[in-house]
Amino acid sequence: MIRELYDQEMSIYEISRRLHINRKTARKYAKSKEIPRCHEKGILTTIT
């Protein structure tokens, strides 16, 4: 979900604000090329 928002040109700040996560965490997942382990478990996909 974070990667999709980032690909739609949403800022890291806006992503972190909407998902209630730290900016560094949002940046980490937005810029990663691999799917994070917690994403595989559905943690980041269930947050809307």
PDB file of N, CA and C in Angstrom:
ATOM      1  N   MET A   1       0.821  -1.191   0.000  1.00  0.00           N
ATOM      2  CA  MET A   1       0.000   0.000   0.000  1.00  0.00           C
ATOM      3  C   MET A   1       0.870   1.262   0.000  1.00  0.00           C
ATOM      4  N   ILE A   2       1.899   1.278   0.815  1.00  0.00           N
ATOM      5  CA  ILE A   2       2.769   2.454   0.880  1.00  0.00           C
ATOM      6  C   ILE A   2       3.445   2.680  -0.468  1.00  0.00           C
ATOM      7  N   ARG A   3       3.916   1.612  -1.060  1.00  0.00           N
ATOM      8  CA  ARG A   3       4.591   1.718  -2.360  1.00  0.00           C
ATOM      9  C   ARG A   3       3.641   2.267  -3.427  1.00  0.00           C
ATOM     10  N   GLU A   4       2.395   1.826  -3.408  1.00  0.00           N
ATOM     11  CA  GLU A   4       1.420   2.302  -4.389  1.00  0.00           C
ATOM     12  C   GLU A   4       1.148   3.795  -4.216  1.00  0.00           C
ATOM     13  N   LEU A   5       1.025   4.243  -2.969  1.00  0.00           N
ATOM     14  CA  LEU A   5       0.793   5.666  -2.712  1.00  0.00           C
ATOM     15  C   LEU A   5       1.988   6.497  -3.169  1.00  0.00           C
ATOM     16  N   TYR A   6       3.186   5.996  -2.895  1.00  0.00           N
ATOM     17  CA  TYR A   6       4.398   6.704  -3.288  1.00  0.00           C
ATOM     18  C   TYR A   6       4.511   6.768  -4.814  1.00  0.00           C
ATOM     19  N   ASP A   7       4.124   5.689  -5.484  1.00  0.00           N
ATOM     20  CA  ASP A   7       4.156   5.667  -6.951  1.00  0.00           C
ATOM     21  C   ASP A   7       3.149   6.636  -7.559  1.00  0.00           C
ATOM     22  N   GLN A   8       2.111   6.981  -6.806  1.00  0.00           N
ATOM     23  CA  GLN A   8       1.116   7.954  -7.262  1.00  0.00           C
ATOM     24  C   GLN A   8       1.551   9.381  -6.929  1.00  0.00           C
ATOM     25  N   GLU A   9       2.829   9.527  -6.573  1.00  0.00           N
ATOM     26  CA  GLU A   9       3.460  10.815  -6.278  1.00  0.00           C
ATOM     27  C   GLU A   9       2.944  11.478  -5.007  1.00  0.00           C
ATOM     28  N   MET A  10       2.468  10.674  -4.052  1.00  0.00           N
ATOM     29  CA  MET A  10       2.100  11.214  -2.748  1.00  0.00           C
ATOM     30  C   MET A  10       3.389  11.366  -1.941  1.00  0.00           C
ATOM     31  N   SER A  11       3.494  12.435  -1.184  1.00  0.00           N
ATOM     32  CA  SER A  11       4.711  12.688  -0.420  1.00  0.00           C
ATOM     33  C   SER A  11       4.831  11.711   0.750  1.00  0.00           C
ATOM     34  N   ILE A  12       6.066  11.513   1.185  1.00  0.00           N
ATOM     35  CA  ILE A  12       6.328  10.644   2.334  1.00  0.00           C
ATOM     36  C   ILE A  12       5.605  11.188   3.563  1.00  0.00           C
ATOM     37  N   TYR A  13       5.623  12.496   3.729  1.00  0.00           N
ATOM     38  CA  TYR A  13       4.940  13.115   4.867  1.00  0.00           C
ATOM     39  C   TYR A  13       3.446  12.797   4.847  1.00  0.00           C
ATOM     40  N   GLU A  14       2.819  12.937   3.691  1.00  0.00           N
ATOM     41  CA  GLU A  14       1.379  12.682   3.571  1.00  0.00           C
ATOM     42  C   GLU A  14       1.062  11.208   3.812  1.00  0.00           C
ATOM     43  N   ILE A  15       1.896  10.320   3.299  1.00  0.00           N
ATOM     44  CA  ILE A  15       1.693   8.887   3.535  1.00  0.00           C
ATOM     45  C   ILE A  15       1.774   8.587   5.026  1.00  0.00           C
ATOM     46  N   SER A  16       2.791   9.109   5.688  1.00  0.00           N
ATOM     47  CA  SER A  16       2.953   8.846   7.120  1.00  0.00           C
ATOM     48  C   SER A  16       1.804   9.437   7.927  1.00  0.00           C
ATOM     49  N   ARG A  17       1.318  10.584   7.522  1.00  0.00           N
ATOM     50  CA  ARG A  17       0.202  11.212   8.228  1.00  0.00           C
ATOM     51  C   ARG A  17      -1.075  10.391   8.072  1.00  0.00           C
ATOM     52  N   ARG A  18      -1.350   9.960   6.862  1.00  0.00           N
ATOM     53  CA  ARG A  18      -2.579   9.195   6.604  1.00  0.00           C
ATOM     54  C   ARG A  18      -2.577   7.825   7.270  1.00  0.00           C
ATOM     55  N   LEU A  19      -1.408   7.186   7.315  1.00  0.00           N
ATOM     56  CA  LEU A  19      -1.327   5.833   7.863  1.00  0.00           C
ATOM     57  C   LEU A  19      -0.936   5.810   9.340  1.00  0.00           C
ATOM     58  N   HIS A  20      -0.676   6.988   9.907  1.00  0.00           N
ATOM     59  CA  HIS A  20      -0.295   7.110  11.323  1.00  0.00           C
ATOM     60  C   HIS A  20       0.967   6.303  11.631  1.00  0.00           C
ATOM     61  N   ILE A  21       1.973   6.478  10.761  1.00  0.00           N
ATOM     62  CA  ILE A  21       3.264   5.841  10.987  1.00  0.00           C
ATOM     63  C   ILE A  21       4.351   6.904  10.902  1.00  0.00           C
ATOM     64  N   ASN A  22       5.519   6.567  11.384  1.00  0.00           N
ATOM     65  CA  ASN A  22       6.667   7.462  11.383  1.00  0.00           C
ATOM     66  C   ASN A  22       7.113   7.743   9.946  1.00  0.00           C
ATOM     67  N   ARG A  23       7.605   8.953   9.685  1.00  0.00           N
ATOM     68  CA  ARG A  23       8.085   9.311   8.339  1.00  0.00           C
ATOM     69  C   ARG A  23       9.219   8.400   7.882  1.00  0.00           C
ATOM     70  N   LYS A  24      10.109   8.052   8.808  1.00  0.00           N
ATOM     71  CA  LYS A  24      11.228   7.180   8.443  1.00  0.00           C
ATOM     72  C   LYS A  24      10.732   5.798   8.029  1.00  0.00           C
ATOM     73  N   THR A  25       9.717   5.313   8.700  1.00  0.00           N
ATOM     74  CA  THR A  25       9.138   4.015   8.350  1.00  0.00           C
ATOM     75  C   THR A  25       8.483   4.089   6.979  1.00  0.00           C
ATOM     76  N   ALA A  26       7.732   5.145   6.732  1.00  0.00           N
ATOM     77  CA  ALA A  26       7.080   5.321   5.433  1.00  0.00           C
ATOM     78  C   ALA A  26       8.122   5.400   4.320  1.00  0.00           C
ATOM     79  N   ARG A  27       9.187   6.140   4.551  1.00  0.00           N
ATOM     80  CA  ARG A  27      10.246   6.272   3.545  1.00  0.00           C
ATOM     81  C   ARG A  27      10.929   4.930   3.294  1.00  0.00           C
ATOM     82  N   LYS A  28      11.169   4.183   4.369  1.00  0.00           N
ATOM     83  CA  LYS A  28      11.815   2.881   4.252  1.00  0.00           C
ATOM     84  C   LYS A  28      11.021   1.946   3.342  1.00  0.00           C
ATOM     85  N   TYR A  29       9.720   1.869   3.540  1.00  0.00           N
ATOM     86  CA  TYR A  29       8.899   0.967   2.744  1.00  0.00           C
ATOM     87  C   TYR A  29       8.615   1.527   1.355  1.00  0.00           C
ATOM     88  N   ALA A  30       8.529   2.831   1.218  1.00  0.00           N
ATOM     89  CA  ALA A  30       8.259   3.434  -0.087  1.00  0.00           C
ATOM     90  C   ALA A  30       9.434   3.249  -1.037  1.00  0.00           C
ATOM     91  N   LYS A  31      10.631   3.301  -0.511  1.00  0.00           N
ATOM     92  CA  LYS A  31      11.815   3.223  -1.360  1.00  0.00           C
ATOM     93  C   LYS A  31      12.383   1.813  -1.477  1.00  0.00           C
ATOM     94  N   SER A  32      11.839   0.858  -0.730  1.00  0.00           N
ATOM     95  CA  SER A  32      12.358  -0.508  -0.805  1.00  0.00           C
ATOM     96  C   SER A  32      11.895  -1.173  -2.095  1.00  0.00           C
ATOM     97  N   LYS A  33      12.744  -2.009  -2.630  1.00  0.00           N
ATOM     98  CA  LYS A  33      12.404  -2.716  -3.864  1.00  0.00           C
ATOM     99  C   LYS A  33      11.758  -4.061  -3.567  1.00  0.00           C
ATOM    100  N   GLU A  34      11.923  -4.546  -2.340  1.00  0.00           N
ATOM    101  CA  GLU A  34      11.341  -5.819  -1.943  1.00  0.00           C
ATOM    102  C   GLU A  34      10.100  -5.576  -1.097  1.00  0.00           C
ATOM    103  N   ILE A  35       9.234  -6.573  -1.056  1.00  0.00           N
ATOM    104  CA  ILE A  35       8.048  -6.479  -0.208  1.00  0.00           C
ATOM    105  C   ILE A  35       8.480  -6.753   1.231  1.00  0.00           C
ATOM    106  N   PRO A  36       8.172  -5.851   2.167  1.00  0.00           N
ATOM    107  CA  PRO A  36       8.556  -6.069   3.565  1.00  0.00           C
ATOM    108  C   PRO A  36       7.873  -7.310   4.130  1.00  0.00           C
ATOM    109  N   ARG A  37       8.497  -7.948   5.104  1.00  0.00           N
ATOM    110  CA  ARG A  37       7.937  -9.163   5.706  1.00  0.00           C
ATOM    111  C   ARG A  37       6.579  -8.908   6.329  1.00  0.00           C
ATOM    112  N   CYS A  38       6.395  -7.778   6.997  1.00  0.00           N
ATOM    113  CA  CYS A  38       5.102  -7.504   7.620  1.00  0.00           C
ATOM    114  C   CYS A  38       4.030  -7.282   6.555  1.00  0.00           C
ATOM    115  N   HIS A  39       4.429  -6.853   5.364  1.00  0.00           N
ATOM    116  CA  HIS A  39       3.480  -6.678   4.263  1.00  0.00           C
ATOM    117  C   HIS A  39       2.936  -8.035   3.815  1.00  0.00           C
ATOM    118  N   GLU A  40       3.796  -9.053   3.841  1.00  0.00           N
ATOM    119  CA  GLU A  40       3.378 -10.398   3.461  1.00  0.00           C
ATOM    120  C   GLU A  40       2.300 -10.913   4.403  1.00  0.00           C
ATOM    121  N   LYS A  41       2.356 -10.492   5.658  1.00  0.00           N
ATOM    122  CA  LYS A  41       1.384 -10.930   6.654  1.00  0.00           C
ATOM    123  C   LYS A  41       0.115 -10.092   6.607  1.00  0.00           C
ATOM    124  N   GLY A  42       0.119  -9.017   5.832  1.00  0.00           N
ATOM    125  CA  GLY A  42      -1.080  -8.204   5.685  1.00  0.00           C
ATOM    126  C   GLY A  42      -1.167  -7.026   6.625  1.00  0.00           C
ATOM    127  N   ILE A  43      -0.129  -6.755   7.399  1.00  0.00           N
ATOM    128  CA  ILE A  43      -0.192  -5.662   8.367  1.00  0.00           C
ATOM    129  C   ILE A  43      -0.330  -4.315   7.668  1.00  0.00           C
ATOM    130  N   LEU A  44       0.489  -4.056   6.678  1.00  0.00           N
ATOM    131  CA  LEU A  44       0.459  -2.752   6.024  1.00  0.00           C
ATOM    132  C   LEU A  44      -0.665  -2.626   5.008  1.00  0.00           C
ATOM    133  N   THR A  45      -1.234  -3.723   4.569  1.00  0.00           N
ATOM    134  CA  THR A  45      -2.300  -3.639   3.580  1.00  0.00           C
ATOM    135  C   THR A  45      -3.661  -3.405   4.218  1.00  0.00           C
ATOM    136  N   THR A  46      -3.786  -3.676   5.520  1.00  0.00           N
ATOM    137  CA  THR A  46      -5.088  -3.524   6.160  1.00  0.00           C
ATOM    138  C   THR A  46      -5.318  -2.113   6.674  1.00  0.00           C
ATOM    139  N   ILE A  47      -4.281  -1.307   6.734  1.00  0.00           N
ATOM    140  CA  ILE A  47      -4.415   0.066   7.215  1.00  0.00           C
ATOM    141  C   ILE A  47      -4.953   0.929   6.083  1.00  0.00           C
ATOM    142  N   THR A  48      -6.065   1.632   6.324  1.00  0.00           N
ATOM    143  CA  THR A  48      -6.615   2.498   5.280  1.00  0.00           C
ATOM    144  C   THR A  48      -6.798   3.896   5.786  1.00  0.00           C
TER     145      THR A  48
END
